[in-house]
Structures are given as structure tokens and as C-alpha cells.
Amino acid sequence: MPVDLLDRLVIIRTMPYSVDEIVQVVSIRAQTESLTIDEDALVLLGEIGANTSLRYVIQLLTPGMILAKTSGRDTITRADVEEIDSLF
């Protein structure tokens, strides 16, 4: 084993995001993409993200907006998020 093996390894400890942090990130991402999301839908996305991953929740935004527009709305609702989450 090489003598400098430990010097080559970098261990970075990461902590999972809290629901509030996920909600904040999703809210910022939605603003960046010019999406409007109900507060209930944001909370649900935060809970889903705590159980799955932040990446998964961010990827739910686009199909959620498509579903909302198909229903004739400009805002993603909790029902949209529930339906999209059940599909994926």
C-alpha cells in the first residue's frame, strides 16, 4: 500500500437537506424557471425531497408545470405534485 494513500483520499462529510432547505431550493429554482407554485405544493415537494432526493424534486417541476398548463392553470398545485409523483 502506498505511503501517501491517506493523503490522496479526501473525505467530505455531507448532511442530508432538511425539508425547509429543500423548500427554499425548490422555490429559488421555480423563480429561476419563471414557475409559480402554491405553498402547499412547495411543502409537499419538500417532504418528497426529504424521502427521496433534491434532484428528484427539481425534476418534478417541469412535468408539474406541463400538467398545470394542460389543466388550464398557470400555477402548480398540490394535486399536480401528487399526480406527477405517483407517475414517477
PDB file of N, CA and C in Angstrom:
ATOM      1  N   MET A   1       0.851  -1.166   0.000  1.00  0.00           N
ATOM      2  CA  MET A   1       0.000   0.000   0.000  1.00  0.00           C
ATOM      3  C   MET A   1       0.904   1.238   0.000  1.00  0.00           C
ATOM      4  N   PRO A   2       0.598   2.220  -0.868  1.00  0.00           N
ATOM      5  CA  PRO A   2       1.426   3.427  -0.921  1.00  0.00           C
ATOM      6  C   PRO A   2       1.398   4.199   0.402  1.00  0.00           C
ATOM      7  N   VAL A   3       2.527   4.783   0.728  1.00  0.00           N
ATOM      8  CA  VAL A   3       2.659   5.516   1.988  1.00  0.00           C
ATOM      9  C   VAL A   3       1.749   6.748   2.008  1.00  0.00           C
ATOM     10  N   ASP A   4       1.559   7.397   0.861  1.00  0.00           N
ATOM     11  CA  ASP A   4       0.765   8.620   0.816  1.00  0.00           C
ATOM     12  C   ASP A   4      -0.704   8.376   0.448  1.00  0.00           C
ATOM     13  N   LEU A   5      -1.183   7.157   0.643  1.00  0.00           N
ATOM     14  CA  LEU A   5      -2.558   6.823   0.285  1.00  0.00           C
ATOM     15  C   LEU A   5      -3.568   7.707   1.033  1.00  0.00           C
ATOM     16  N   LEU A   6      -3.362   7.890   2.324  1.00  0.00           N
ATOM     17  CA  LEU A   6      -4.295   8.726   3.089  1.00  0.00           C
ATOM     18  C   LEU A   6      -4.263  10.174   2.619  1.00  0.00           C
ATOM     19  N   ASP A   7      -3.118  10.639   2.141  1.00  0.00           N
ATOM     20  CA  ASP A   7      -3.032  12.000   1.618  1.00  0.00           C
ATOM     21  C   ASP A   7      -3.837  12.150   0.329  1.00  0.00           C
ATOM     22  N   ARG A   8      -3.995  11.091  -0.404  1.00  0.00           N
ATOM     23  CA  ARG A   8      -4.734  11.133  -1.664  1.00  0.00           C
ATOM     24  C   ARG A   8      -6.245  11.087  -1.460  1.00  0.00           C
ATOM     25  N   LEU A   9      -6.685  10.595  -0.343  1.00  0.00           N
ATOM     26  CA  LEU A   9      -8.113  10.469  -0.067  1.00  0.00           C
ATOM     27  C   LEU A   9      -8.642  11.749   0.568  1.00  0.00           C
ATOM     28  N   VAL A  10      -9.726  12.207   0.061  1.00  0.00           N
ATOM     29  CA  VAL A  10     -10.392  13.361   0.648  1.00  0.00           C
ATOM     30  C   VAL A  10     -11.779  12.891   1.070  1.00  0.00           C
ATOM     31  N   ILE A  11     -12.051  13.016   2.339  1.00  0.00           N
ATOM     32  CA  ILE A  11     -13.348  12.596   2.854  1.00  0.00           C
ATOM     33  C   ILE A  11     -14.133  13.850   3.213  1.00  0.00           C
ATOM     34  N   ILE A  12     -15.246  14.016   2.533  1.00  0.00           N
ATOM     35  CA  ILE A  12     -16.106  15.166   2.781  1.00  0.00           C
ATOM     36  C   ILE A  12     -17.410  14.645   3.349  1.00  0.00           C
ATOM     37  N   ARG A  13     -17.702  15.055   4.554  1.00  0.00           N
ATOM     38  CA  ARG A  13     -18.925  14.606   5.201  1.00  0.00           C
ATOM     39  C   ARG A  13     -20.074  15.517   4.772  1.00  0.00           C
ATOM     40  N   THR A  14     -21.124  14.935   4.283  1.00  0.00           N
ATOM     41  CA  THR A  14     -22.290  15.707   3.870  1.00  0.00           C
ATOM     42  C   THR A  14     -23.491  15.301   4.722  1.00  0.00           C
ATOM     43  N   MET A  15     -24.357  16.256   4.930  1.00  0.00           N
ATOM     44  CA  MET A  15     -25.566  16.004   5.709  1.00  0.00           C
ATOM     45  C   MET A  15     -26.775  16.133   4.780  1.00  0.00           C
ATOM     46  N   PRO A  16     -27.803  15.343   5.007  1.00  0.00           N
ATOM     47  CA  PRO A  16     -28.997  15.462   4.150  1.00  0.00           C
ATOM     48  C   PRO A  16     -29.685  16.811   4.381  1.00  0.00           C
ATOM     49  N   TYR A  17     -30.354  17.292   3.332  1.00  0.00           N
ATOM     50  CA  TYR A  17     -31.088  18.543   3.431  1.00  0.00           C
ATOM     51  C   TYR A  17     -32.325  18.365   4.306  1.00  0.00           C
ATOM     52  N   SER A  18     -32.676  19.401   5.032  1.00  0.00           N
ATOM     53  CA  SER A  18     -33.925  19.387   5.796  1.00  0.00           C
ATOM     54  C   SER A  18     -35.070  19.765   4.848  1.00  0.00           C
ATOM     55  N   VAL A  19     -36.288  19.574   5.309  1.00  0.00           N
ATOM     56  CA  VAL A  19     -37.462  19.911   4.487  1.00  0.00           C
ATOM     57  C   VAL A  19     -37.454  21.405   4.162  1.00  0.00           C
ATOM     58  N   ASP A  20     -37.133  22.244   5.141  1.00  0.00           N
ATOM     59  CA  ASP A  20     -37.109  23.690   4.913  1.00  0.00           C
ATOM     60  C   ASP A  20     -36.063  24.081   3.881  1.00  0.00           C
ATOM     61  N   GLU A  21     -34.903  23.451   3.921  1.00  0.00           N
ATOM     62  CA  GLU A  21     -33.855  23.741   2.948  1.00  0.00           C
ATOM     63  C   GLU A  21     -34.278  23.317   1.545  1.00  0.00           C
ATOM     64  N   ILE A  22     -34.929  22.175   1.442  1.00  0.00           N
ATOM     65  CA  ILE A  22     -35.408  21.707   0.139  1.00  0.00           C
ATOM     66  C   ILE A  22     -36.464  22.661  -0.413  1.00  0.00           C
ATOM     67  N   VAL A  23     -37.368  23.103   0.448  1.00  0.00           N
ATOM     68  CA  VAL A  23     -38.398  24.054   0.019  1.00  0.00           C
ATOM     69  C   VAL A  23     -37.748  25.339  -0.485  1.00  0.00           C
ATOM     70  N   GLN A  24     -36.721  25.805   0.208  1.00  0.00           N
ATOM     71  CA  GLN A  24     -36.038  27.030  -0.211  1.00  0.00           C
ATOM     72  C   GLN A  24     -35.358  26.851  -1.571  1.00  0.00           C
ATOM     73  N   VAL A  25     -34.679  25.728  -1.763  1.00  0.00           N
ATOM     74  CA  VAL A  25     -34.003  25.468  -3.041  1.00  0.00           C
ATOM     75  C   VAL A  25     -35.016  25.346  -4.175  1.00  0.00           C
ATOM     76  N   VAL A  26     -36.109  24.636  -3.937  1.00  0.00           N
ATOM     77  CA  VAL A  26     -37.142  24.470  -4.972  1.00  0.00           C
ATOM     78  C   VAL A  26     -37.782  25.816  -5.305  1.00  0.00           C
ATOM     79  N   SER A  27     -37.997  26.632  -4.300  1.00  0.00           N
ATOM     80  CA  SER A  27     -38.575  27.958  -4.528  1.00  0.00           C
ATOM     81  C   SER A  27     -37.657  28.814  -5.394  1.00  0.00           C
ATOM     82  N   ILE A  28     -36.367  28.789  -5.109  1.00  0.00           N
ATOM     83  CA  ILE A  28     -35.401  29.542  -5.913  1.00  0.00           C
ATOM     84  C   ILE A  28     -35.367  29.014  -7.332  1.00  0.00           C
ATOM     85  N   ARG A  29     -35.381  27.707  -7.470  1.00  0.00           N
ATOM     86  CA  ARG A  29     -35.345  27.092  -8.810  1.00  0.00           C
ATOM     87  C   ARG A  29     -36.603  27.449  -9.602  1.00  0.00           C
ATOM     88  N   ALA A  30     -37.750  27.450  -8.932  1.00  0.00           N
ATOM     89  CA  ALA A  30     -39.001  27.804  -9.597  1.00  0.00           C
ATOM     90  C   ALA A  30     -38.970  29.261 -10.061  1.00  0.00           C
ATOM     91  N   GLN A  31     -38.433  30.152  -9.241  1.00  0.00           N
ATOM     92  CA  GLN A  31     -38.307  31.549  -9.652  1.00  0.00           C
ATOM     93  C   GLN A  31     -37.389  31.683 -10.855  1.00  0.00           C
ATOM     94  N   THR A  32     -36.299  30.919 -10.858  1.00  0.00           N
ATOM     95  CA  THR A  32     -35.349  30.958 -11.969  1.00  0.00           C
ATOM     96  C   THR A  32     -36.010  30.515 -13.265  1.00  0.00           C
ATOM     97  N   GLU A  33     -36.887  29.511 -13.177  1.00  0.00           N
ATOM     98  CA  GLU A  33     -37.562  28.985 -14.364  1.00  0.00           C
ATOM     99  C   GLU A  33     -38.893  29.681 -14.637  1.00  0.00           C
ATOM    100  N   SER A  34     -39.193  30.736 -13.885  1.00  0.00           N
ATOM    101  CA  SER A  34     -40.440  31.509 -14.032  1.00  0.00           C
ATOM    102  C   SER A  34     -41.675  30.638 -13.838  1.00  0.00           C
ATOM    103  N   LEU A  35     -41.646  29.790 -12.815  1.00  0.00           N
ATOM    104  CA  LEU A  35     -42.781  28.936 -12.483  1.00  0.00           C
ATOM    105  C   LEU A  35     -43.443  29.465 -11.215  1.00  0.00           C
ATOM    106  N   THR A  36     -44.739  29.294 -11.111  1.00  0.00           N
ATOM    107  CA  THR A  36     -45.437  29.642  -9.874  1.00  0.00           C
ATOM    108  C   THR A  36     -45.953  28.357  -9.240  1.00  0.00           C
ATOM    109  N   ILE A  37     -45.713  28.256  -7.933  1.00  0.00           N
ATOM    110  CA  ILE A  37     -46.083  27.045  -7.194  1.00  0.00           C
ATOM    111  C   ILE A  37     -46.833  27.462  -5.941  1.00  0.00           C
ATOM    112  N   ASP A  38     -47.944  26.776  -5.646  1.00  0.00           N
ATOM    113  CA  ASP A  38     -48.674  27.008  -4.402  1.00  0.00           C
ATOM    114  C   ASP A  38     -47.798  26.642  -3.210  1.00  0.00           C
ATOM    115  N   GLU A  39     -48.084  27.272  -2.083  1.00  0.00           N
ATOM    116  CA  GLU A  39     -47.326  26.996  -0.856  1.00  0.00           C
ATOM    117  C   GLU A  39     -47.490  25.532  -0.431  1.00  0.00           C
ATOM    118  N   ASP A  40     -48.699  24.987  -0.557  1.00  0.00           N
ATOM    119  CA  ASP A  40     -48.932  23.575  -0.205  1.00  0.00           C
ATOM    120  C   ASP A  40     -48.105  22.646  -1.083  1.00  0.00           C
ATOM    121  N   ALA A  41     -47.998  22.999  -2.358  1.00  0.00           N
ATOM    122  CA  ALA A  41     -47.206  22.182  -3.280  1.00  0.00           C
ATOM    123  C   ALA A  41     -45.731  22.241  -2.919  1.00  0.00           C
ATOM    124  N   LEU A  42     -45.242  23.414  -2.493  1.00  0.00           N
ATOM    125  CA  LEU A  42     -43.844  23.540  -2.071  1.00  0.00           C
ATOM    126  C   LEU A  42     -43.552  22.672  -0.850  1.00  0.00           C
ATOM    127  N   VAL A  43     -44.464  22.685   0.103  1.00  0.00           N
ATOM    128  CA  VAL A  43     -44.279  21.873   1.313  1.00  0.00           C
ATOM    129  C   VAL A  43     -44.262  20.393   0.950  1.00  0.00           C
ATOM    130  N   LEU A  44     -45.170  19.983   0.077  1.00  0.00           N
ATOM    131  CA  LEU A  44     -45.198  18.581  -0.351  1.00  0.00           C
ATOM    132  C   LEU A  44     -43.905  18.215  -1.082  1.00  0.00           C
ATOM    133  N   LEU A  45     -43.417  19.098  -1.942  1.00  0.00           N
ATOM    134  CA  LEU A  45     -42.153  18.834  -2.631  1.00  0.00           C
ATOM    135  C   LEU A  45     -41.012  18.700  -1.629  1.00  0.00           C
ATOM    136  N   GLY A  46     -41.025  19.507  -0.577  1.00  0.00           N
ATOM    137  CA  GLY A  46     -40.005  19.397   0.465  1.00  0.00           C
ATOM    138  C   GLY A  46     -40.055  18.057   1.173  1.00  0.00           C
ATOM    139  N   GLU A  47     -41.259  17.585   1.468  1.00  0.00           N
ATOM    140  CA  GLU A  47     -41.412  16.281   2.128  1.00  0.00           C
ATOM    141  C   GLU A  47     -40.974  15.150   1.200  1.00  0.00           C
ATOM    142  N   ILE A  48     -41.336  15.248  -0.056  1.00  0.00           N
ATOM    143  CA  ILE A  48     -40.920  14.223  -1.026  1.00  0.00           C
ATOM    144  C   ILE A  48     -39.405  14.217  -1.147  1.00  0.00           C
ATOM    145  N   GLY A  49     -38.811  15.414  -1.198  1.00  0.00           N
ATOM    146  CA  GLY A  49     -37.361  15.516  -1.306  1.00  0.00           C
ATOM    147  C   GLY A  49     -36.630  14.963  -0.104  1.00  0.00           C
ATOM    148  N   ALA A  50     -37.219  15.107   1.083  1.00  0.00           N
ATOM    149  CA  ALA A  50     -36.595  14.555   2.288  1.00  0.00           C
ATOM    150  C   ALA A  50     -36.587  13.027   2.242  1.00  0.00           C
ATOM    151  N   ASN A  51     -37.577  12.445   1.573  1.00  0.00           N
ATOM    152  CA  ASN A  51     -37.656  10.982   1.470  1.00  0.00           C
ATOM    153  C   ASN A  51     -36.911  10.426   0.261  1.00  0.00           C
ATOM    154  N   THR A  52     -36.711  11.253  -0.758  1.00  0.00           N
ATOM    155  CA  THR A  52     -36.026  10.789  -1.970  1.00  0.00           C
ATOM    156  C   THR A  52     -34.741  11.583  -2.139  1.00  0.00           C
ATOM    157  N   SER A  53     -34.770  12.574  -3.017  1.00  0.00           N
ATOM    158  CA  SER A  53     -33.588  13.419  -3.208  1.00  0.00           C
ATOM    159  C   SER A  53     -34.002  14.780  -3.753  1.00  0.00           C
ATOM    160  N   LEU A  54     -33.117  15.733  -3.600  1.00  0.00           N
ATOM    161  CA  LEU A  54     -33.373  17.069  -4.125  1.00  0.00           C
ATOM    162  C   LEU A  54     -33.451  17.033  -5.652  1.00  0.00           C
ATOM    163  N   ARG A  55     -32.617  16.237  -6.260  1.00  0.00           N
ATOM    164  CA  ARG A  55     -32.629  16.123  -7.727  1.00  0.00           C
ATOM    165  C   ARG A  55     -33.982  15.641  -8.227  1.00  0.00           C
ATOM    166  N   TYR A  56     -34.542  14.638  -7.572  1.00  0.00           N
ATOM    167  CA  TYR A  56     -35.846  14.099  -7.968  1.00  0.00           C
ATOM    168  C   TYR A  56     -36.920  15.186  -7.904  1.00  0.00           C
ATOM    169  N   VAL A  57     -36.915  15.965  -6.832  1.00  0.00           N
ATOM    170  CA  VAL A  57     -37.927  17.004  -6.653  1.00  0.00           C
ATOM    171  C   VAL A  57     -37.778  18.090  -7.710  1.00  0.00           C
ATOM    172  N   ILE A  58     -36.544  18.482  -7.998  1.00  0.00           N
ATOM    173  CA  ILE A  58     -36.313  19.502  -9.024  1.00  0.00           C
ATOM    174  C   ILE A  58     -36.813  18.995 -10.379  1.00  0.00           C
ATOM    175  N   GLN A  59     -36.622  17.716 -10.640  1.00  0.00           N
ATOM    176  CA  GLN A  59     -37.062  17.157 -11.918  1.00  0.00           C
ATOM    177  C   GLN A  59     -38.575  17.013 -12.007  1.00  0.00           C
ATOM    178  N   LEU A  60     -39.283  17.108 -10.890  1.00  0.00           N
ATOM    179  CA  LEU A  60     -40.747  17.067 -10.916  1.00  0.00           C
ATOM    180  C   LEU A  60     -41.355  18.403 -11.354  1.00  0.00           C
ATOM    181  N   LEU A  61     -40.574  19.480 -11.321  1.00  0.00           N
ATOM    182  CA  LEU A  61     -41.112  20.799 -11.644  1.00  0.00           C
ATOM    183  C   LEU A  61     -41.611  20.896 -13.089  1.00  0.00           C
ATOM    184  N   THR A  62     -40.824  20.398 -14.026  1.00  0.00           N
ATOM    185  CA  THR A  62     -41.212  20.516 -15.438  1.00  0.00           C
ATOM    186  C   THR A  62     -42.489  19.744 -15.756  1.00  0.00           C
ATOM    187  N   PRO A  63     -42.583  18.448 -15.401  1.00  0.00           N
ATOM    188  CA  PRO A  63     -43.860  17.767 -15.679  1.00  0.00           C
ATOM    189  C   PRO A  63     -45.018  18.360 -14.879  1.00  0.00           C
ATOM    190  N   GLY A  64     -44.728  18.896 -13.695  1.00  0.00           N
ATOM    191  CA  GLY A  64     -45.780  19.546 -12.914  1.00  0.00           C
ATOM    192  C   GLY A  64     -46.341  20.768 -13.633  1.00  0.00           C
ATOM    193  N   MET A  65     -45.462  21.543 -14.236  1.00  0.00           N
ATOM    194  CA  MET A  65     -45.917  22.725 -14.974  1.00  0.00           C
ATOM    195  C   MET A  65     -46.678  22.327 -16.236  1.00  0.00           C
ATOM    196  N   ILE A  66     -46.219  21.287 -16.888  1.00  0.00           N
ATOM    197  CA  ILE A  66     -46.929  20.804 -18.081  1.00  0.00           C
ATOM    198  C   ILE A  66     -48.335  20.340 -17.706  1.00  0.00           C
ATOM    199  N   LEU A  67     -48.455  19.630 -16.595  1.00  0.00           N
ATOM    200  CA  LEU A  67     -49.763  19.167 -16.137  1.00  0.00           C
ATOM    201  C   LEU A  67     -50.663  20.346 -15.779  1.00  0.00           C
ATOM    202  N   ALA A  68     -50.115  21.349 -15.104  1.00  0.00           N
ATOM    203  CA  ALA A  68     -50.901  22.526 -14.733  1.00  0.00           C
ATOM    204  C   ALA A  68     -51.384  23.268 -15.981  1.00  0.00           C
ATOM    205  N   LYS A  69     -50.510  23.447 -16.957  1.00  0.00           N
ATOM    206  CA  LYS A  69     -50.904  24.154 -18.186  1.00  0.00           C
ATOM    207  C   LYS A  69     -51.942  23.354 -18.967  1.00  0.00           C
ATOM    208  N   THR A  70     -51.818  22.025 -18.960  1.00  0.00           N
ATOM    209  CA  THR A  70     -52.802  21.171 -19.624  1.00  0.00           C
ATOM    210  C   THR A  70     -54.177  21.332 -18.976  1.00  0.00           C
ATOM    211  N   SER A  71     -54.172  21.577 -17.664  1.00  0.00           N
ATOM    212  CA  SER A  71     -55.427  21.770 -16.935  1.00  0.00           C
ATOM    213  C   SER A  71     -55.927  23.206 -17.013  1.00  0.00           C
ATOM    214  N   GLY A  72     -55.190  24.068 -17.720  1.00  0.00           N
ATOM    215  CA  GLY A  72     -55.613  25.451 -17.890  1.00  0.00           C
ATOM    216  C   GLY A  72     -55.206  26.374 -16.761  1.00  0.00           C
ATOM    217  N   ARG A  73     -54.193  25.998 -15.988  1.00  0.00           N
ATOM    218  CA  ARG A  73     -53.721  26.827 -14.872  1.00  0.00           C
ATOM    219  C   ARG A  73     -52.279  27.258 -15.114  1.00  0.00           C
ATOM    220  N   ASP A  74     -51.898  28.344 -14.456  1.00  0.00           N
ATOM    221  CA  ASP A  74     -50.515  28.817 -14.533  1.00  0.00           C
ATOM    222  C   ASP A  74     -49.733  28.496 -13.272  1.00  0.00           C
ATOM    223  N   THR A  75     -50.373  27.866 -12.309  1.00  0.00           N
ATOM    224  CA  THR A  75     -49.752  27.572 -11.016  1.00  0.00           C
ATOM    225  C   THR A  75     -49.754  26.076 -10.759  1.00  0.00           C
ATOM    226  N   ILE A  76     -48.629  25.573 -10.279  1.00  0.00           N
ATOM    227  CA  ILE A  76     -48.534  24.158  -9.894  1.00  0.00           C
ATOM    228  C   ILE A  76     -49.180  24.003  -8.524  1.00  0.00           C
ATOM    229  N   THR A  77     -50.130  23.088  -8.422  1.00  0.00           N
ATOM    230  CA  THR A  77     -50.842  22.866  -7.163  1.00  0.00           C
ATOM    231  C   THR A  77     -50.375  21.570  -6.510  1.00  0.00           C
ATOM    232  N   ARG A  78     -50.836  21.368  -5.286  1.00  0.00           N
ATOM    233  CA  ARG A  78     -50.508  20.148  -4.549  1.00  0.00           C
ATOM    234  C   ARG A  78     -51.003  18.912  -5.311  1.00  0.00           C
ATOM    235  N   ALA A  79     -52.174  19.006  -5.916  1.00  0.00           N
ATOM    236  CA  ALA A  79     -52.730  17.877  -6.679  1.00  0.00           C
ATOM    237  C   ALA A  79     -51.837  17.527  -7.868  1.00  0.00           C
ATOM    238  N   ASP A  80     -51.276  18.553  -8.514  1.00  0.00           N
ATOM    239  CA  ASP A  80     -50.354  18.304  -9.629  1.00  0.00           C
ATOM    240  C   ASP A  80     -49.121  17.536  -9.153  1.00  0.00           C
ATOM    241  N   VAL A  81     -48.577  17.985  -8.029  1.00  0.00           N
ATOM    242  CA  VAL A  81     -47.377  17.329  -7.487  1.00  0.00           C
ATOM    243  C   VAL A  81     -47.685  15.885  -7.093  1.00  0.00           C
ATOM    244  N   GLU A  82     -48.832  15.652  -6.470  1.00  0.00           N
ATOM    245  CA  GLU A  82     -49.218  14.289  -6.082  1.00  0.00           C
ATOM    246  C   GLU A  82     -49.358  13.395  -7.314  1.00  0.00           C
ATOM    247  N   GLU A  83     -49.989  13.921  -8.357  1.00  0.00           N
ATOM    248  CA  GLU A  83     -50.185  13.112  -9.568  1.00  0.00           C
ATOM    249  C   GLU A  83     -48.852  12.803 -10.257  1.00  0.00           C
ATOM    250  N   ILE A  84     -48.005  13.812 -10.380  1.00  0.00           N
ATOM    251  CA  ILE A  84     -46.697  13.600 -11.025  1.00  0.00           C
ATOM    252  C   ILE A  84     -45.846  12.644 -10.192  1.00  0.00           C
ATOM    253  N   ASP A  85     -45.871  12.789  -8.880  1.00  0.00           N
ATOM    254  CA  ASP A  85     -45.093  11.894  -8.014  1.00  0.00           C
ATOM    255  C   ASP A  85     -45.576  10.449  -8.148  1.00  0.00           C
ATOM    256  N   SER A  86     -46.877  10.265  -8.329  1.00  0.00           N
ATOM    257  CA  SER A  86     -47.402   8.897  -8.479  1.00  0.00           C
ATOM    258  C   SER A  86     -46.971   8.284  -9.802  1.00  0.00           C
ATOM    259  N   LEU A  87     -46.728   9.127 -10.816  1.00  0.00           N
ATOM    260  CA  LEU A  87     -46.297   8.609 -12.117  1.00  0.00           C
ATOM    261  C   LEU A  87     -44.839   8.156 -12.113  1.00  0.00           C
ATOM    262  N   PHE A  88     -44.016   8.845 -11.349  1.00  0.00           N
ATOM    263  CA  PHE A  88     -42.588   8.539 -11.336  1.00  0.00           C
ATOM    264  C   PHE A  88     -42.206   7.828 -10.074  1.00  0.00           C
TER     265      PHE A  88
END
